[in-house]
Amino acid sequence: MGEQALQFFIACVTAAGFGIAIAAFGCGIAQGIACKSAVEGIARNPESSGKVTVTMIIGLALMESLCIYTLVVALILIYAHPQAGAIAALFGAGH
């Protein structure tokens, strides 16, 4: 049981790491494109600066929330799984 729990933990940590890396990469690219487009729009029409900035900030917040959701799922995978007691006992934390 202990070895299976450790293998499950390793799989969870690996999945969490890849998941957060992919999410951060995607969010970074999307936020860069959004900022680029907003700056180009403001450069073409400086009077629209206020509306474009507010819309961009709302969009950036929504994009960042996707990365935060991925972080929450990654933390759940690492810390809140059914075999946490067996893994803690393997590392000596269960005594």
N, C-alpha and C. Protein backbone atom coordinates (compact mmCIF):
# COMPACT_ATOMS: atom_id res chain seq x y z
N MET A 1 0.82 -1.20 0.00
CA MET A 1 0.00 0.00 0.00
C MET A 1 0.86 1.26 0.00
N GLY A 2 1.97 1.24 0.72
CA GLY A 2 2.82 2.42 0.83
C GLY A 2 3.48 2.79 -0.48
N GLU A 3 3.93 1.77 -1.23
CA GLU A 3 4.58 2.05 -2.51
C GLU A 3 3.58 2.59 -3.53
N GLN A 4 2.36 2.06 -3.52
CA GLN A 4 1.32 2.57 -4.41
C GLN A 4 0.97 4.01 -4.07
N ALA A 5 0.93 4.32 -2.79
CA ALA A 5 0.64 5.68 -2.37
C ALA A 5 1.74 6.64 -2.84
N LEU A 6 2.97 6.20 -2.75
CA LEU A 6 4.08 7.04 -3.19
C LEU A 6 4.04 7.25 -4.70
N GLN A 7 3.72 6.21 -5.44
CA GLN A 7 3.61 6.35 -6.90
C GLN A 7 2.46 7.29 -7.26
N PHE A 8 1.36 7.19 -6.53
CA PHE A 8 0.24 8.10 -6.76
C PHE A 8 0.64 9.54 -6.46
N PHE A 9 1.39 9.74 -5.38
CA PHE A 9 1.86 11.07 -5.01
C PHE A 9 2.78 11.64 -6.09
N ILE A 10 3.68 10.82 -6.60
CA ILE A 10 4.60 11.26 -7.65
C ILE A 10 3.81 11.64 -8.91
N ALA A 11 2.81 10.85 -9.26
CA ALA A 11 1.98 11.17 -10.42
C ALA A 11 1.21 12.47 -10.21
N CYS A 12 0.71 12.69 -9.00
CA CYS A 12 -0.03 13.93 -8.71
C CYS A 12 0.88 15.15 -8.78
N VAL A 13 2.07 15.03 -8.24
CA VAL A 13 3.01 16.16 -8.27
C VAL A 13 3.42 16.46 -9.71
N THR A 14 3.66 15.42 -10.50
CA THR A 14 4.02 15.62 -11.90
C THR A 14 2.88 16.27 -12.67
N ALA A 15 1.66 15.79 -12.48
CA ALA A 15 0.50 16.38 -13.15
C ALA A 15 0.29 17.83 -12.73
N ALA A 16 0.46 18.10 -11.44
CA ALA A 16 0.29 19.47 -10.96
C ALA A 16 1.35 20.39 -11.55
N GLY A 17 2.58 19.91 -11.62
CA GLY A 17 3.65 20.73 -12.20
C GLY A 17 3.42 21.04 -13.67
N PHE A 18 3.07 20.01 -14.45
CA PHE A 18 2.80 20.24 -15.87
C PHE A 18 1.57 21.12 -16.05
N GLY A 19 0.55 20.91 -15.25
CA GLY A 19 -0.68 21.70 -15.38
C GLY A 19 -0.44 23.17 -15.13
N ILE A 20 0.28 23.49 -14.07
CA ILE A 20 0.52 24.90 -13.76
C ILE A 20 1.47 25.53 -14.77
N ALA A 21 2.41 24.74 -15.29
CA ALA A 21 3.32 25.27 -16.31
C ALA A 21 2.57 25.61 -17.60
N ILE A 22 1.69 24.72 -18.02
CA ILE A 22 0.92 24.97 -19.24
C ILE A 22 -0.03 26.15 -19.05
N ALA A 23 -0.67 26.22 -17.89
CA ALA A 23 -1.59 27.32 -17.62
C ALA A 23 -0.86 28.66 -17.56
N ALA A 24 0.30 28.69 -16.91
CA ALA A 24 1.06 29.94 -16.82
C ALA A 24 1.55 30.37 -18.20
N PHE A 25 1.98 29.42 -19.01
CA PHE A 25 2.42 29.73 -20.37
C PHE A 25 1.27 30.31 -21.19
N GLY A 26 0.12 29.66 -21.13
CA GLY A 26 -1.03 30.13 -21.89
C GLY A 26 -1.51 31.49 -21.43
N CYS A 27 -1.55 31.69 -20.12
CA CYS A 27 -1.99 32.99 -19.58
C CYS A 27 -1.00 34.09 -19.95
N GLY A 28 0.27 33.78 -19.88
CA GLY A 28 1.28 34.78 -20.24
C GLY A 28 1.17 35.21 -21.69
N ILE A 29 1.00 34.25 -22.58
CA ILE A 29 0.85 34.57 -24.00
C ILE A 29 -0.42 35.39 -24.22
N ALA A 30 -1.53 34.96 -23.64
CA ALA A 30 -2.80 35.66 -23.83
C ALA A 30 -2.75 37.08 -23.27
N GLN A 31 -2.14 37.25 -22.11
CA GLN A 31 -2.06 38.58 -21.51
C GLN A 31 -1.14 39.49 -22.33
N GLY A 32 -0.08 38.93 -22.87
CA GLY A 32 0.80 39.73 -23.73
C GLY A 32 0.09 40.20 -24.98
N ILE A 33 -0.68 39.31 -25.60
CA ILE A 33 -1.44 39.69 -26.80
C ILE A 33 -2.49 40.75 -26.45
N ALA A 34 -3.15 40.58 -25.30
CA ALA A 34 -4.18 41.56 -24.90
C ALA A 34 -3.56 42.94 -24.65
N CYS A 35 -2.44 42.97 -23.97
CA CYS A 35 -1.79 44.27 -23.70
C CYS A 35 -1.31 44.92 -24.99
N LYS A 36 -0.75 44.11 -25.89
CA LYS A 36 -0.29 44.63 -27.18
C LYS A 36 -1.45 45.25 -27.96
N SER A 37 -2.57 44.54 -27.99
CA SER A 37 -3.73 45.05 -28.72
C SER A 37 -4.28 46.32 -28.08
N ALA A 38 -4.30 46.36 -26.75
CA ALA A 38 -4.81 47.56 -26.06
C ALA A 38 -3.92 48.76 -26.34
N VAL A 39 -2.61 48.56 -26.28
CA VAL A 39 -1.69 49.67 -26.54
C VAL A 39 -1.82 50.15 -27.99
N GLU A 40 -1.97 49.21 -28.93
CA GLU A 40 -2.16 49.61 -30.33
C GLU A 40 -3.47 50.37 -30.50
N GLY A 41 -4.52 49.92 -29.82
CA GLY A 41 -5.80 50.62 -29.92
C GLY A 41 -5.72 52.03 -29.35
N ILE A 42 -5.03 52.19 -28.23
CA ILE A 42 -4.89 53.52 -27.63
C ILE A 42 -4.01 54.40 -28.50
N ALA A 43 -3.00 53.81 -29.15
CA ALA A 43 -2.13 54.60 -30.03
C ALA A 43 -2.90 55.12 -31.24
N ARG A 44 -3.84 54.32 -31.74
CA ARG A 44 -4.64 54.75 -32.89
C ARG A 44 -5.69 55.79 -32.50
N ASN A 45 -6.25 55.64 -31.30
CA ASN A 45 -7.32 56.53 -30.87
C ASN A 45 -7.12 56.87 -29.39
N PRO A 46 -6.32 57.89 -29.10
CA PRO A 46 -6.01 58.21 -27.70
C PRO A 46 -7.23 58.59 -26.85
N GLU A 47 -8.33 59.04 -27.47
CA GLU A 47 -9.50 59.40 -26.70
C GLU A 47 -10.19 58.19 -26.08
N SER A 48 -9.95 57.00 -26.61
CA SER A 48 -10.58 55.79 -26.09
C SER A 48 -9.77 55.14 -24.97
N SER A 49 -8.79 55.84 -24.47
CA SER A 49 -7.86 55.28 -23.49
C SER A 49 -8.57 54.72 -22.25
N GLY A 50 -9.52 55.47 -21.70
CA GLY A 50 -10.20 55.04 -20.48
C GLY A 50 -10.99 53.74 -20.66
N LYS A 51 -11.79 53.69 -21.72
CA LYS A 51 -12.61 52.49 -21.96
C LYS A 51 -11.74 51.28 -22.30
N VAL A 52 -10.71 51.50 -23.11
CA VAL A 52 -9.84 50.38 -23.49
C VAL A 52 -9.09 49.85 -22.27
N THR A 53 -8.63 50.75 -21.41
CA THR A 53 -7.88 50.32 -20.22
C THR A 53 -8.76 49.52 -19.27
N VAL A 54 -9.98 49.99 -19.04
CA VAL A 54 -10.89 49.27 -18.15
C VAL A 54 -11.22 47.90 -18.71
N THR A 55 -11.52 47.84 -20.00
CA THR A 55 -11.83 46.56 -20.63
C THR A 55 -10.63 45.62 -20.58
N MET A 56 -9.43 46.16 -20.81
CA MET A 56 -8.23 45.34 -20.77
C MET A 56 -7.99 44.78 -19.37
N ILE A 57 -8.17 45.59 -18.36
CA ILE A 57 -7.94 45.13 -16.98
C ILE A 57 -8.94 44.04 -16.60
N ILE A 58 -10.18 44.20 -17.01
CA ILE A 58 -11.17 43.15 -16.75
C ILE A 58 -10.79 41.87 -17.46
N GLY A 59 -10.36 41.98 -18.70
CA GLY A 59 -9.93 40.80 -19.46
C GLY A 59 -8.71 40.13 -18.85
N LEU A 60 -7.75 40.94 -18.40
CA LEU A 60 -6.56 40.38 -17.75
C LEU A 60 -6.92 39.66 -16.46
N ALA A 61 -7.86 40.21 -15.72
CA ALA A 61 -8.29 39.55 -14.48
C ALA A 61 -8.94 38.20 -14.77
N LEU A 62 -9.75 38.14 -15.82
CA LEU A 62 -10.39 36.88 -16.18
C LEU A 62 -9.35 35.86 -16.66
N MET A 63 -8.36 36.31 -17.42
CA MET A 63 -7.29 35.40 -17.86
C MET A 63 -6.49 34.88 -16.68
N GLU A 64 -6.18 35.76 -15.76
CA GLU A 64 -5.39 35.36 -14.59
C GLU A 64 -6.18 34.41 -13.70
N SER A 65 -7.49 34.57 -13.67
CA SER A 65 -8.30 33.66 -12.84
C SER A 65 -8.20 32.22 -13.35
N LEU A 66 -8.03 32.03 -14.64
CA LEU A 66 -7.86 30.67 -15.17
C LEU A 66 -6.58 30.04 -14.63
N CYS A 67 -5.52 30.82 -14.54
CA CYS A 67 -4.27 30.30 -13.99
C CYS A 67 -4.41 30.02 -12.50
N ILE A 68 -5.15 30.85 -11.80
CA ILE A 68 -5.37 30.63 -10.37
C ILE A 68 -6.21 29.38 -10.15
N TYR A 69 -7.21 29.13 -11.00
CA TYR A 69 -7.99 27.89 -10.90
C TYR A 69 -7.08 26.68 -11.07
N THR A 70 -6.15 26.76 -12.01
CA THR A 70 -5.21 25.66 -12.21
C THR A 70 -4.34 25.47 -10.98
N LEU A 71 -3.92 26.55 -10.35
CA LEU A 71 -3.13 26.45 -9.13
C LEU A 71 -3.93 25.77 -8.02
N VAL A 72 -5.20 26.11 -7.90
CA VAL A 72 -6.05 25.49 -6.88
C VAL A 72 -6.19 23.99 -7.12
N VAL A 73 -6.41 23.61 -8.38
CA VAL A 73 -6.51 22.18 -8.71
C VAL A 73 -5.18 21.48 -8.43
N ALA A 74 -4.06 22.12 -8.75
CA ALA A 74 -2.75 21.53 -8.48
C ALA A 74 -2.53 21.33 -6.99
N LEU A 75 -2.91 22.30 -6.18
CA LEU A 75 -2.75 22.16 -4.73
C LEU A 75 -3.67 21.07 -4.18
N ILE A 76 -4.86 20.95 -4.75
CA ILE A 76 -5.75 19.87 -4.32
C ILE A 76 -5.14 18.52 -4.67
N LEU A 77 -4.56 18.41 -5.87
CA LEU A 77 -3.92 17.15 -6.27
C LEU A 77 -2.79 16.77 -5.32
N ILE A 78 -2.04 17.77 -4.86
CA ILE A 78 -0.88 17.47 -4.02
C ILE A 78 -1.28 17.22 -2.58
N TYR A 79 -2.19 18.04 -2.02
CA TYR A 79 -2.43 18.00 -0.58
C TYR A 79 -3.73 17.34 -0.14
N ALA A 80 -4.69 17.16 -1.01
CA ALA A 80 -5.99 16.66 -0.56
C ALA A 80 -6.40 15.42 -1.34
N HIS A 81 -5.62 14.40 -1.27
CA HIS A 81 -5.99 13.16 -1.95
C HIS A 81 -6.19 12.06 -0.91
N PRO A 82 -6.83 10.98 -1.30
CA PRO A 82 -7.24 9.98 -0.31
C PRO A 82 -6.10 9.25 0.39
N GLN A 83 -4.91 9.24 -0.19
CA GLN A 83 -3.82 8.49 0.41
C GLN A 83 -2.81 9.39 1.12
N ALA A 84 -3.25 10.55 1.57
CA ALA A 84 -2.35 11.48 2.23
C ALA A 84 -1.77 10.89 3.51
N GLY A 85 -2.55 10.13 4.26
CA GLY A 85 -2.07 9.52 5.50
C GLY A 85 -0.97 8.51 5.25
N ALA A 86 -1.12 7.71 4.21
CA ALA A 86 -0.09 6.71 3.89
C ALA A 86 1.20 7.38 3.44
N ILE A 87 1.09 8.45 2.69
CA ILE A 87 2.29 9.17 2.22
C ILE A 87 2.97 9.85 3.41
N ALA A 88 2.21 10.44 4.30
CA ALA A 88 2.79 11.08 5.48
C ALA A 88 3.51 10.06 6.34
N ALA A 89 2.97 8.86 6.44
CA ALA A 89 3.62 7.80 7.22
C ALA A 89 4.93 7.38 6.57
N LEU A 90 4.97 7.37 5.22
CA LEU A 90 6.22 7.03 4.52
C LEU A 90 7.32 8.02 4.82
N PHE A 91 6.95 9.30 4.91
CA PHE A 91 7.94 10.34 5.16
C PHE A 91 8.20 10.56 6.65
N GLY A 92 7.53 9.82 7.49
CA GLY A 92 7.76 9.93 8.92
C GLY A 92 6.97 11.03 9.60
N ALA A 93 6.05 11.66 8.88
CA ALA A 93 5.26 12.76 9.46
C ALA A 93 4.01 12.25 10.17
N GLY A 94 3.73 10.97 10.04
CA GLY A 94 2.51 10.44 10.61
C GLY A 94 2.65 9.96 12.06
N HIS A 95 3.84 10.11 12.63
CA HIS A 95 4.06 9.62 14.01
C HIS A 95 3.67 10.65 15.01
